[in-house]
């Protein structure tokens, strides 16, 4: 099982809460698009920089995460804020299921 940083999890939850405010719609979209860019960077690193990307199914997990985020961004662009919020909830649930929380330094 992989680890997820506390900051990454908090960011996803912050964006999900922000979607409840229609005035922060564009800001939420920008946040989601940034999260997609980060995932794409992780995917590239897993594919190019390491032999473990495919062996450990890391690339598959990242592709799923990226897909959920892309669907959320498309929902926002088409005006379906409820669907975007639901997809962000799915994304957070996926992180919780497939990643362990970051452990404190010992």
PDB file of N, CA and C in Angstrom:
ATOM      1  N   UNK A   1       0.850  -1.172   0.000  1.00  0.00           N
ATOM      2  CA  UNK A   1       0.000   0.000   0.000  1.00  0.00           C
ATOM      3  C   UNK A   1       0.898   1.238   0.000  1.00  0.00           C
ATOM      4  N   UNK A   2       0.508   2.226  -0.759  1.00  0.00           N
ATOM      5  CA  UNK A   2       1.266   3.475  -0.877  1.00  0.00           C
ATOM      6  C   UNK A   2       0.827   4.453   0.186  1.00  0.00           C
ATOM      7  N   UNK A   3       1.614   5.493   0.365  1.00  0.00           N
ATOM      8  CA  UNK A   3       1.297   6.508   1.369  1.00  0.00           C
ATOM      9  C   UNK A   3       0.857   7.795   0.678  1.00  0.00           C
ATOM     10  N   UNK A   4      -0.033   8.520   1.333  1.00  0.00           N
ATOM     11  CA  UNK A   4      -0.485   9.817   0.838  1.00  0.00           C
ATOM     12  C   UNK A   4      -0.151  10.847   1.918  1.00  0.00           C
ATOM     13  N   UNK A   5       0.293  12.005   1.470  1.00  0.00           N
ATOM     14  CA  UNK A   5       0.646  13.036   2.443  1.00  0.00           C
ATOM     15  C   UNK A   5      -0.615  13.634   3.064  1.00  0.00           C
ATOM     16  N   UNK A   6      -0.451  14.099   4.266  1.00  0.00           N
ATOM     17  CA  UNK A   6      -1.545  14.758   4.973  1.00  0.00           C
ATOM     18  C   UNK A   6      -2.011  15.984   4.176  1.00  0.00           C
ATOM     19  N   UNK A   7      -1.054  16.705   3.584  1.00  0.00           N
ATOM     20  CA  UNK A   7      -1.381  17.905   2.815  1.00  0.00           C
ATOM     21  C   UNK A   7      -2.224  17.578   1.584  1.00  0.00           C
ATOM     22  N   UNK A   8      -1.890  16.475   0.906  1.00  0.00           N
ATOM     23  CA  UNK A   8      -2.647  16.097  -0.296  1.00  0.00           C
ATOM     24  C   UNK A   8      -4.087  15.754   0.059  1.00  0.00           C
ATOM     25  N   UNK A   9      -4.267  15.031   1.152  1.00  0.00           N
ATOM     26  CA  UNK A   9      -5.614  14.670   1.582  1.00  0.00           C
ATOM     27  C   UNK A   9      -6.388  15.917   2.014  1.00  0.00           C
ATOM     28  N   UNK A  10      -5.733  16.803   2.769  1.00  0.00           N
ATOM     29  CA  UNK A  10      -6.401  18.029   3.214  1.00  0.00           C
ATOM     30  C   UNK A  10      -6.769  18.916   2.030  1.00  0.00           C
ATOM     31  N   UNK A  11      -5.914  18.978   1.025  1.00  0.00           N
ATOM     32  CA  UNK A  11      -6.195  19.788  -0.172  1.00  0.00           C
ATOM     33  C   UNK A  11      -7.444  19.274  -0.876  1.00  0.00           C
ATOM     34  N   UNK A  12      -7.544  17.965  -1.045  1.00  0.00           N
ATOM     35  CA  UNK A  12      -8.720  17.390  -1.708  1.00  0.00           C
ATOM     36  C   UNK A  12      -9.997  17.700  -0.921  1.00  0.00           C
ATOM     37  N   UNK A  13      -9.935  17.582   0.385  1.00  0.00           N
ATOM     38  CA  UNK A  13     -11.111  17.869   1.204  1.00  0.00           C
ATOM     39  C   UNK A  13     -11.441  19.364   1.197  1.00  0.00           C
ATOM     40  N   UNK A  14     -10.418  20.203   1.150  1.00  0.00           N
ATOM     41  CA  UNK A  14     -10.640  21.654   1.091  1.00  0.00           C
ATOM     42  C   UNK A  14     -11.348  22.030  -0.208  1.00  0.00           C
ATOM     43  N   UNK A  15     -10.914  21.446  -1.311  1.00  0.00           N
ATOM     44  CA  UNK A  15     -11.547  21.737  -2.602  1.00  0.00           C
ATOM     45  C   UNK A  15     -12.982  21.235  -2.605  1.00  0.00           C
ATOM     46  N   UNK A  16     -13.215  20.072  -2.020  1.00  0.00           N
ATOM     47  CA  UNK A  16     -14.581  19.538  -1.941  1.00  0.00           C
ATOM     48  C   UNK A  16     -15.488  20.503  -1.169  1.00  0.00           C
ATOM     49  N   UNK A  17     -15.000  21.035  -0.046  1.00  0.00           N
ATOM     50  CA  UNK A  17     -15.791  21.998   0.736  1.00  0.00           C
ATOM     51  C   UNK A  17     -15.996  23.298  -0.036  1.00  0.00           C
ATOM     52  N   UNK A  18     -14.972  23.708  -0.761  1.00  0.00           N
ATOM     53  CA  UNK A  18     -15.037  24.954  -1.521  1.00  0.00           C
ATOM     54  C   UNK A  18     -16.111  24.891  -2.614  1.00  0.00           C
ATOM     55  N   UNK A  19     -16.359  23.692  -3.133  1.00  0.00           N
ATOM     56  CA  UNK A  19     -17.374  23.540  -4.183  1.00  0.00           C
ATOM     57  C   UNK A  19     -18.775  23.906  -3.705  1.00  0.00           C
ATOM     58  N   UNK A  20     -18.993  23.909  -2.404  1.00  0.00           N
ATOM     59  CA  UNK A  20     -20.307  24.284  -1.865  1.00  0.00           C
ATOM     60  C   UNK A  20     -20.592  25.770  -2.047  1.00  0.00           C
ATOM     61  N   UNK A  21     -19.566  26.560  -2.312  1.00  0.00           N
ATOM     62  CA  UNK A  21     -19.710  28.003  -2.497  1.00  0.00           C
ATOM     63  C   UNK A  21     -19.655  28.330  -3.985  1.00  0.00           C
ATOM     64  N   UNK A  22     -20.798  28.701  -4.590  1.00  0.00           N
ATOM     65  CA  UNK A  22     -20.813  28.987  -6.031  1.00  0.00           C
ATOM     66  C   UNK A  22     -19.844  30.097  -6.443  1.00  0.00           C
ATOM     67  N   UNK A  23     -19.530  30.998  -5.533  1.00  0.00           N
ATOM     68  CA  UNK A  23     -18.615  32.086  -5.867  1.00  0.00           C
ATOM     69  C   UNK A  23     -17.168  31.607  -6.002  1.00  0.00           C
ATOM     70  N   UNK A  24     -16.893  30.418  -5.493  1.00  0.00           N
ATOM     71  CA  UNK A  24     -15.534  29.879  -5.564  1.00  0.00           C
ATOM     72  C   UNK A  24     -15.407  28.785  -6.629  1.00  0.00           C
ATOM     73  N   UNK A  25     -16.345  28.772  -7.558  1.00  0.00           N
ATOM     74  CA  UNK A  25     -16.384  27.753  -8.604  1.00  0.00           C
ATOM     75  C   UNK A  25     -15.132  27.763  -9.473  1.00  0.00           C
ATOM     76  N   UNK A  26     -14.740  28.924  -9.945  1.00  0.00           N
ATOM     77  CA  UNK A  26     -13.561  29.032 -10.815  1.00  0.00           C
ATOM     78  C   UNK A  26     -12.291  28.677 -10.052  1.00  0.00           C
ATOM     79  N   UNK A  27     -12.228  29.093  -8.806  1.00  0.00           N
ATOM     80  CA  UNK A  27     -11.079  28.760  -7.978  1.00  0.00           C
ATOM     81  C   UNK A  27     -11.004  27.246  -7.757  1.00  0.00           C
ATOM     82  N   UNK A  28     -12.163  26.621  -7.551  1.00  0.00           N
ATOM     83  CA  UNK A  28     -12.213  25.169  -7.379  1.00  0.00           C
ATOM     84  C   UNK A  28     -11.743  24.460  -8.640  1.00  0.00           C
ATOM     85  N   UNK A  29     -12.183  24.959  -9.781  1.00  0.00           N
ATOM     86  CA  UNK A  29     -11.767  24.371 -11.051  1.00  0.00           C
ATOM     87  C   UNK A  29     -10.256  24.473 -11.223  1.00  0.00           C
ATOM     88  N   UNK A  30      -9.693  25.624 -10.893  1.00  0.00           N
ATOM     89  CA  UNK A  30      -8.239  25.808 -10.992  1.00  0.00           C
ATOM     90  C   UNK A  30      -7.513  24.844 -10.052  1.00  0.00           C
ATOM     91  N   UNK A  31      -8.058  24.643  -8.854  1.00  0.00           N
ATOM     92  CA  UNK A  31      -7.449  23.706  -7.903  1.00  0.00           C
ATOM     93  C   UNK A  31      -7.475  22.277  -8.440  1.00  0.00           C
ATOM     94  N   UNK A  32      -8.607  21.887  -9.003  1.00  0.00           N
ATOM     95  CA  UNK A  32      -8.729  20.529  -9.550  1.00  0.00           C
ATOM     96  C   UNK A  32      -7.774  20.358 -10.727  1.00  0.00           C
ATOM     97  N   UNK A  33      -7.687  21.363 -11.587  1.00  0.00           N
ATOM     98  CA  UNK A  33      -6.770  21.265 -12.726  1.00  0.00           C
ATOM     99  C   UNK A  33      -5.319  21.169 -12.260  1.00  0.00           C
ATOM    100  N   UNK A  34      -4.989  21.853 -11.175  1.00  0.00           N
ATOM    101  CA  UNK A  34      -3.633  21.739 -10.611  1.00  0.00           C
ATOM    102  C   UNK A  34      -3.394  20.320 -10.085  1.00  0.00           C
ATOM    103  N   UNK A  35      -4.402  19.753  -9.418  1.00  0.00           N
ATOM    104  CA  UNK A  35      -4.283  18.387  -8.911  1.00  0.00           C
ATOM    105  C   UNK A  35      -4.072  17.405 -10.066  1.00  0.00           C
ATOM    106  N   UNK A  36      -4.742  17.654 -11.192  1.00  0.00           N
ATOM    107  CA  UNK A  36      -4.564  16.808 -12.375  1.00  0.00           C
ATOM    108  C   UNK A  36      -3.126  16.913 -12.878  1.00  0.00           C
ATOM    109  N   UNK A  37      -2.602  18.124 -12.930  1.00  0.00           N
ATOM    110  CA  UNK A  37      -1.208  18.315 -13.375  1.00  0.00           C
ATOM    111  C   UNK A  37      -0.238  17.556 -12.481  1.00  0.00           C
ATOM    112  N   UNK A  38      -0.472  17.589 -11.186  1.00  0.00           N
ATOM    113  CA  UNK A  38       0.388  16.875 -10.246  1.00  0.00           C
ATOM    114  C   UNK A  38       0.305  15.372 -10.512  1.00  0.00           C
ATOM    115  N   UNK A  39      -0.906  14.863 -10.710  1.00  0.00           N
ATOM    116  CA  UNK A  39      -1.082  13.433 -10.984  1.00  0.00           C
ATOM    117  C   UNK A  39      -0.404  13.041 -12.294  1.00  0.00           C
ATOM    118  N   UNK A  40      -0.508  13.905 -13.298  1.00  0.00           N
ATOM    119  CA  UNK A  40       0.147  13.616 -14.575  1.00  0.00           C
ATOM    120  C   UNK A  40       1.663  13.568 -14.400  1.00  0.00           C
ATOM    121  N   UNK A  41       2.196  14.438 -13.564  1.00  0.00           N
ATOM    122  CA  UNK A  41       3.625  14.423 -13.262  1.00  0.00           C
ATOM    123  C   UNK A  41       4.010  13.126 -12.555  1.00  0.00           C
ATOM    124  N   UNK A  42       3.194  12.696 -11.609  1.00  0.00           N
ATOM    125  CA  UNK A  42       3.455  11.436 -10.908  1.00  0.00           C
ATOM    126  C   UNK A  42       3.404  10.263 -11.882  1.00  0.00           C
ATOM    127  N   UNK A  43       2.446  10.311 -12.787  1.00  0.00           N
ATOM    128  CA  UNK A  43       2.308   9.239 -13.775  1.00  0.00           C
ATOM    129  C   UNK A  43       3.542   9.174 -14.666  1.00  0.00           C
ATOM    130  N   UNK A  44       3.997  10.318 -15.109  1.00  0.00           N
ATOM    131  CA  UNK A  44       5.191  10.354 -15.956  1.00  0.00           C
ATOM    132  C   UNK A  44       6.388   9.786 -15.197  1.00  0.00           C
ATOM    133  N   UNK A  45       6.551  10.187 -13.961  1.00  0.00           N
ATOM    134  CA  UNK A  45       7.680   9.691 -13.160  1.00  0.00           C
ATOM    135  C   UNK A  45       7.590   8.189 -12.944  1.00  0.00           C
ATOM    136  N   UNK A  46       6.379   7.676 -12.700  1.00  0.00           N
ATOM    137  CA  UNK A  46       6.211   6.240 -12.483  1.00  0.00           C
ATOM    138  C   UNK A  46       6.523   5.465 -13.761  1.00  0.00           C
ATOM    139  N   UNK A  47       6.148   6.026 -14.916  1.00  0.00           N
ATOM    140  CA  UNK A  47       6.391   5.352 -16.191  1.00  0.00           C
ATOM    141  C   UNK A  47       7.846   5.421 -16.620  1.00  0.00           C
ATOM    142  N   UNK A  48       8.477   6.569 -16.442  1.00  0.00           N
ATOM    143  CA  UNK A  48       9.809   6.798 -16.986  1.00  0.00           C
ATOM    144  C   UNK A  48      10.910   6.557 -15.962  1.00  0.00           C
ATOM    145  N   UNK A  49      10.712   7.044 -14.759  1.00  0.00           N
ATOM    146  CA  UNK A  49      11.803   7.069 -13.802  1.00  0.00           C
ATOM    147  C   UNK A  49      11.957   5.838 -12.951  1.00  0.00           C
ATOM    148  N   UNK A  50      11.102   4.867 -13.099  1.00  0.00           N
ATOM    149  CA  UNK A  50      11.169   3.738 -12.189  1.00  0.00           C
ATOM    150  C   UNK A  50      10.616   2.488 -12.847  1.00  0.00           C
ATOM    151  N   UNK A  51      11.165   1.383 -12.475  1.00  0.00           N
ATOM    152  CA  UNK A  51      10.646   0.118 -12.999  1.00  0.00           C
ATOM    153  C   UNK A  51       9.441  -0.359 -12.200  1.00  0.00           C
ATOM    154  N   UNK A  52       9.130   0.273 -11.081  1.00  0.00           N
ATOM    155  CA  UNK A  52       8.044  -0.224 -10.238  1.00  0.00           C
ATOM    156  C   UNK A  52       6.676   0.291 -10.673  1.00  0.00           C
ATOM    157  N   UNK A  53       6.618   1.247 -11.569  1.00  0.00           N
ATOM    158  CA  UNK A  53       5.335   1.828 -11.962  1.00  0.00           C
ATOM    159  C   UNK A  53       4.325   0.799 -12.401  1.00  0.00           C
ATOM    160  N   UNK A  54       4.692  -0.040 -13.352  1.00  0.00           N
ATOM    161  CA  UNK A  54       3.767  -1.051 -13.848  1.00  0.00           C
ATOM    162  C   UNK A  54       3.750  -2.278 -12.944  1.00  0.00           C
ATOM    163  N   UNK A  55       4.897  -2.626 -12.385  1.00  0.00           N
ATOM    164  CA  UNK A  55       4.974  -3.830 -11.560  1.00  0.00           C
ATOM    165  C   UNK A  55       4.103  -3.742 -10.322  1.00  0.00           C
ATOM    166  N   UNK A  56       4.040  -2.594  -9.714  1.00  0.00           N
ATOM    167  CA  UNK A  56       3.284  -2.423  -8.468  1.00  0.00           C
ATOM    168  C   UNK A  56       1.903  -1.845  -8.719  1.00  0.00           C
ATOM    169  N   UNK A  57       1.513  -1.744  -9.958  1.00  0.00           N
ATOM    170  CA  UNK A  57       0.219  -1.185 -10.338  1.00  0.00           C
ATOM    171  C   UNK A  57       0.081   0.270  -9.929  1.00  0.00           C
ATOM    172  N   UNK A  58       1.194   0.947  -9.740  1.00  0.00           N
ATOM    173  CA  UNK A  58       1.163   2.355  -9.363  1.00  0.00           C
ATOM    174  C   UNK A  58       0.582   3.206 -10.488  1.00  0.00           C
ATOM    175  N   UNK A  59       0.984   2.935 -11.725  1.00  0.00           N
ATOM    176  CA  UNK A  59       0.482   3.753 -12.834  1.00  0.00           C
ATOM    177  C   UNK A  59      -1.034   3.600 -12.975  1.00  0.00           C
ATOM    178  N   UNK A  60      -1.536   2.393 -12.762  1.00  0.00           N
ATOM    179  CA  UNK A  60      -2.983   2.185 -12.849  1.00  0.00           C
ATOM    180  C   UNK A  60      -3.741   3.001 -11.823  1.00  0.00           C
ATOM    181  N   UNK A  61      -3.221   3.035 -10.597  1.00  0.00           N
ATOM    182  CA  UNK A  61      -3.862   3.821  -9.542  1.00  0.00           C
ATOM    183  C   UNK A  61      -3.844   5.300  -9.883  1.00  0.00           C
ATOM    184  N   UNK A  62      -2.716   5.783 -10.353  1.00  0.00           N
ATOM    185  CA  UNK A  62      -2.605   7.204 -10.686  1.00  0.00           C
ATOM    186  C   UNK A  62      -3.530   7.552 -11.847  1.00  0.00           C
ATOM    187  N   UNK A  63      -3.648   6.659 -12.820  1.00  0.00           N
ATOM    188  CA  UNK A  63      -4.546   6.906 -13.952  1.00  0.00           C
ATOM    189  C   UNK A  63      -6.001   6.983 -13.484  1.00  0.00           C
ATOM    190  N   UNK A  64      -6.370   6.133 -12.541  1.00  0.00           N
ATOM    191  CA  UNK A  64      -7.737   6.182 -11.995  1.00  0.00           C
ATOM    192  C   UNK A  64      -7.969   7.508 -11.282  1.00  0.00           C
ATOM    193  N   UNK A  65      -7.013   7.912 -10.447  1.00  0.00           N
ATOM    194  CA  UNK A  65      -7.141   9.184  -9.738  1.00  0.00           C
ATOM    195  C   UNK A  65      -7.263  10.348 -10.712  1.00  0.00           C
ATOM    196  N   UNK A  66      -6.404  10.350 -11.717  1.00  0.00           N
ATOM    197  CA  UNK A  66      -6.428  11.417 -12.721  1.00  0.00           C
ATOM    198  C   UNK A  66      -7.758  11.437 -13.456  1.00  0.00           C
ATOM    199  N   UNK A  67      -8.273  10.262 -13.777  1.00  0.00           N
ATOM    200  CA  UNK A  67      -9.558  10.173 -14.470  1.00  0.00           C
ATOM    201  C   UNK A  67     -10.706  10.736 -13.650  1.00  0.00           C
ATOM    202  N   UNK A  68     -10.718  10.419 -12.358  1.00  0.00           N
ATOM    203  CA  UNK A  68     -11.766  10.955 -11.479  1.00  0.00           C
ATOM    204  C   UNK A  68     -11.674  12.477 -11.435  1.00  0.00           C
ATOM    205  N   UNK A  69     -10.461  12.988 -11.297  1.00  0.00           N
ATOM    206  CA  UNK A  69     -10.273  14.444 -11.245  1.00  0.00           C
ATOM    207  C   UNK A  69     -10.659  15.103 -12.572  1.00  0.00           C
ATOM    208  N   UNK A  70     -10.315  14.479 -13.684  1.00  0.00           N
ATOM    209  CA  UNK A  70     -10.684  15.035 -14.991  1.00  0.00           C
ATOM    210  C   UNK A  70     -12.197  15.057 -15.166  1.00  0.00           C
ATOM    211  N   UNK A  71     -12.866  14.003 -14.718  1.00  0.00           N
ATOM    212  CA  UNK A  71     -14.333  13.979 -14.786  1.00  0.00           C
ATOM    213  C   UNK A  71     -14.930  15.084 -13.917  1.00  0.00           C
ATOM    214  N   UNK A  72     -14.326  15.320 -12.742  1.00  0.00           N
ATOM    215  CA  UNK A  72     -14.814  16.393 -11.857  1.00  0.00           C
ATOM    216  C   UNK A  72     -14.628  17.751 -12.522  1.00  0.00           C
ATOM    217  N   UNK A  73     -13.486  17.959 -13.170  1.00  0.00           N
ATOM    218  CA  UNK A  73     -13.239  19.230 -13.861  1.00  0.00           C
ATOM    219  C   UNK A  73     -14.239  19.418 -15.006  1.00  0.00           C
ATOM    220  N   UNK A  74     -14.487  18.372 -15.766  1.00  0.00           N
ATOM    221  CA  UNK A  74     -15.458  18.466 -16.865  1.00  0.00           C
ATOM    222  C   UNK A  74     -16.859  18.753 -16.346  1.00  0.00           C
ATOM    223  N   UNK A  75     -17.221  18.139 -15.213  1.00  0.00           N
ATOM    224  CA  UNK A  75     -18.535  18.407 -14.617  1.00  0.00           C
ATOM    225  C   UNK A  75     -18.656  19.875 -14.227  1.00  0.00           C
ATOM    226  N   UNK A  76     -17.596  20.423 -13.638  1.00  0.00           N
ATOM    227  CA  UNK A  76     -17.613  21.847 -13.272  1.00  0.00           C
ATOM    228  C   UNK A  76     -17.738  22.726 -14.502  1.00  0.00           C
ATOM    229  N   UNK A  77     -16.988  22.396 -15.542  1.00  0.00           N
ATOM    230  CA  UNK A  77     -17.032  23.193 -16.776  1.00  0.00           C
ATOM    231  C   UNK A  77     -18.414  23.170 -17.415  1.00  0.00           C
ATOM    232  N   UNK A  78     -19.124  22.061 -17.249  1.00  0.00           N
ATOM    233  CA  UNK A  78     -20.456  21.963 -17.848  1.00  0.00           C
ATOM    234  C   UNK A  78     -21.553  22.453 -16.900  1.00  0.00           C
ATOM    235  N   UNK A  79     -21.147  22.933 -15.713  1.00  0.00           N
ATOM    236  CA  UNK A  79     -22.116  23.520 -14.793  1.00  0.00           C
ATOM    237  C   UNK A  79     -22.744  22.556 -13.812  1.00  0.00           C
ATOM    238  N   UNK A  80     -22.267  21.325 -13.762  1.00  0.00           N
ATOM    239  CA  UNK A  80     -22.825  20.337 -12.845  1.00  0.00           C
ATOM    240  C   UNK A  80     -21.980  20.267 -11.574  1.00  0.00           C
ATOM    241  N   UNK A  81     -22.164  21.258 -10.713  1.00  0.00           N
ATOM    242  CA  UNK A  81     -21.372  21.353  -9.484  1.00  0.00           C
ATOM    243  C   UNK A  81     -21.611  20.171  -8.558  1.00  0.00           C
ATOM    244  N   UNK A  82     -22.847  19.679  -8.516  1.00  0.00           N
ATOM    245  CA  UNK A  82     -23.175  18.533  -7.670  1.00  0.00           C
ATOM    246  C   UNK A  82     -22.404  17.288  -8.068  1.00  0.00           C
ATOM    247  N   UNK A  83     -22.322  17.057  -9.372  1.00  0.00           N
ATOM    248  CA  UNK A  83     -21.573  15.901  -9.863  1.00  0.00           C
ATOM    249  C   UNK A  83     -20.082  16.071  -9.556  1.00  0.00           C
ATOM    250  N   UNK A  84     -19.573  17.285  -9.715  1.00  0.00           N
ATOM    251  CA  UNK A  84     -18.162  17.547  -9.420  1.00  0.00           C
ATOM    252  C   UNK A  84     -17.872  17.260  -7.949  1.00  0.00           C
ATOM    253  N   UNK A  85     -18.750  17.706  -7.055  1.00  0.00           N
ATOM    254  CA  UNK A  85     -18.566  17.463  -5.626  1.00  0.00           C
ATOM    255  C   UNK A  85     -18.626  15.968  -5.313  1.00  0.00           C
ATOM    256  N   UNK A  86     -19.551  15.271  -5.954  1.00  0.00           N
ATOM    257  CA  UNK A  86     -19.664  13.834  -5.761  1.00  0.00           C
ATOM    258  C   UNK A  86     -18.397  13.110  -6.229  1.00  0.00           C
ATOM    259  N   UNK A  87     -17.865  13.538  -7.368  1.00  0.00           N
ATOM    260  CA  UNK A  87     -16.638  12.932  -7.878  1.00  0.00           C
ATOM    261  C   UNK A  87     -15.448  13.215  -6.970  1.00  0.00           C
ATOM    262  N   UNK A  88     -15.382  14.415  -6.408  1.00  0.00           N
ATOM    263  CA  UNK A  88     -14.311  14.696  -5.451  1.00  0.00           C
ATOM    264  C   UNK A  88     -14.459  13.822  -4.208  1.00  0.00           C
ATOM    265  N   UNK A  89     -15.694  13.570  -3.804  1.00  0.00           N
ATOM    266  CA  UNK A  89     -15.927  12.630  -2.702  1.00  0.00           C
ATOM    267  C   UNK A  89     -15.430  11.235  -3.052  1.00  0.00           C
ATOM    268  N   UNK A  90     -15.678  10.823  -4.302  1.00  0.00           N
ATOM    269  CA  UNK A  90     -15.179   9.526  -4.779  1.00  0.00           C
ATOM    270  C   UNK A  90     -13.653   9.492  -4.773  1.00  0.00           C
ATOM    271  N   UNK A  91     -13.044  10.602  -5.182  1.00  0.00           N
ATOM    272  CA  UNK A  91     -11.587  10.705  -5.214  1.00  0.00           C
ATOM    273  C   UNK A  91     -11.007  10.555  -3.803  1.00  0.00           C
ATOM    274  N   UNK A  92     -11.612  11.242  -2.842  1.00  0.00           N
ATOM    275  CA  UNK A  92     -11.147  11.170  -1.451  1.00  0.00           C
ATOM    276  C   UNK A  92     -11.320   9.742  -0.923  1.00  0.00           C
ATOM    277  N   UNK A  93     -12.451   9.126  -1.223  1.00  0.00           N
ATOM    278  CA  UNK A  93     -12.679   7.740  -0.800  1.00  0.00           C
ATOM    279  C   UNK A  93     -11.644   6.801  -1.421  1.00  0.00           C
ATOM    280  N   UNK A  94     -11.293   7.036  -2.688  1.00  0.00           N
ATOM    281  CA  UNK A  94     -10.279   6.227  -3.364  1.00  0.00           C
ATOM    282  C   UNK A  94      -8.933   6.366  -2.662  1.00  0.00           C
ATOM    283  N   UNK A  95      -8.562   7.602  -2.321  1.00  0.00           N
ATOM    284  CA  UNK A  95      -7.304   7.825  -1.609  1.00  0.00           C
ATOM    285  C   UNK A  95      -7.290   7.090  -0.276  1.00  0.00           C
ATOM    286  N   UNK A  96      -8.381   7.186   0.459  1.00  0.00           N
ATOM    287  CA  UNK A  96      -8.450   6.541   1.765  1.00  0.00           C
ATOM    288  C   UNK A  96      -8.381   5.021   1.654  1.00  0.00           C
ATOM    289  N   UNK A  97      -8.950   4.475   0.592  1.00  0.00           N
ATOM    290  CA  UNK A  97      -8.966   3.029   0.411  1.00  0.00           C
ATOM    291  C   UNK A  97      -7.618   2.474  -0.058  1.00  0.00           C
ATOM    292  N   UNK A  98      -6.931   3.219  -0.917  1.00  0.00           N
ATOM    293  CA  UNK A  98      -5.738   2.685  -1.572  1.00  0.00           C
ATOM    294  C   UNK A  98      -4.415   3.228  -1.045  1.00  0.00           C
ATOM    295  N   UNK A  99      -4.468   4.161  -0.126  1.00  0.00           N
ATOM    296  CA  UNK A  99      -3.251   4.739   0.432  1.00  0.00           C
ATOM    297  C   UNK A  99      -3.332   4.725   1.952  1.00  0.00           C
ATOM    298  N   UNK A 100      -2.185   4.636   2.578  1.00  0.00           N
ATOM    299  CA  UNK A 100      -2.099   4.808   4.026  1.00  0.00           C
ATOM    300  C   UNK A 100      -1.754   6.257   4.309  1.00  0.00           C
ATOM    301  N   UNK A 101      -2.210   6.785   5.441  1.00  0.00           N
ATOM    302  CA  UNK A 101      -1.800   8.147   5.805  1.00  0.00           C
ATOM    303  C   UNK A 101      -0.303   8.200   6.038  1.00  0.00           C
ATOM    304  N   UNK A 102       0.251   9.340   5.729  1.00  0.00           N
ATOM    305  CA  UNK A 102       1.665   9.575   5.963  1.00  0.00           C
ATOM    306  C   UNK A 102       1.961   9.400   7.451  1.00  0.00           C
ATOM    307  N   UNK A 103       3.055   8.730   7.741  1.00  0.00           N
ATOM    308  CA  UNK A 103       3.442   8.516   9.137  1.00  0.00           C
ATOM    309  C   UNK A 103       4.363   9.639   9.605  1.00  0.00           C
ATOM    310  N   UNK A 104       4.269   9.988  10.881  1.00  0.00           N
ATOM    311  CA  UNK A 104       5.180  11.028  11.388  1.00  0.00           C
ATOM    312  C   UNK A 104       6.619  10.516  11.383  1.00  0.00           C
ATOM    313  N   UNK A 105       7.538  11.447  11.321  1.00  0.00           N
ATOM    314  CA  UNK A 105       8.961  11.100  11.354  1.00  0.00           C
ATOM    315  C   UNK A 105       9.323  10.525  12.724  1.00  0.00           C
ATOM    316  N   UNK A 106      10.167   9.545  12.688  1.00  0.00           N
ATOM    317  CA  UNK A 106      10.622   8.932  13.940  1.00  0.00           C
ATOM    318  C   UNK A 106      12.024   9.334  14.246  1.00  0.00           C
TER     319      UNK A 106
END
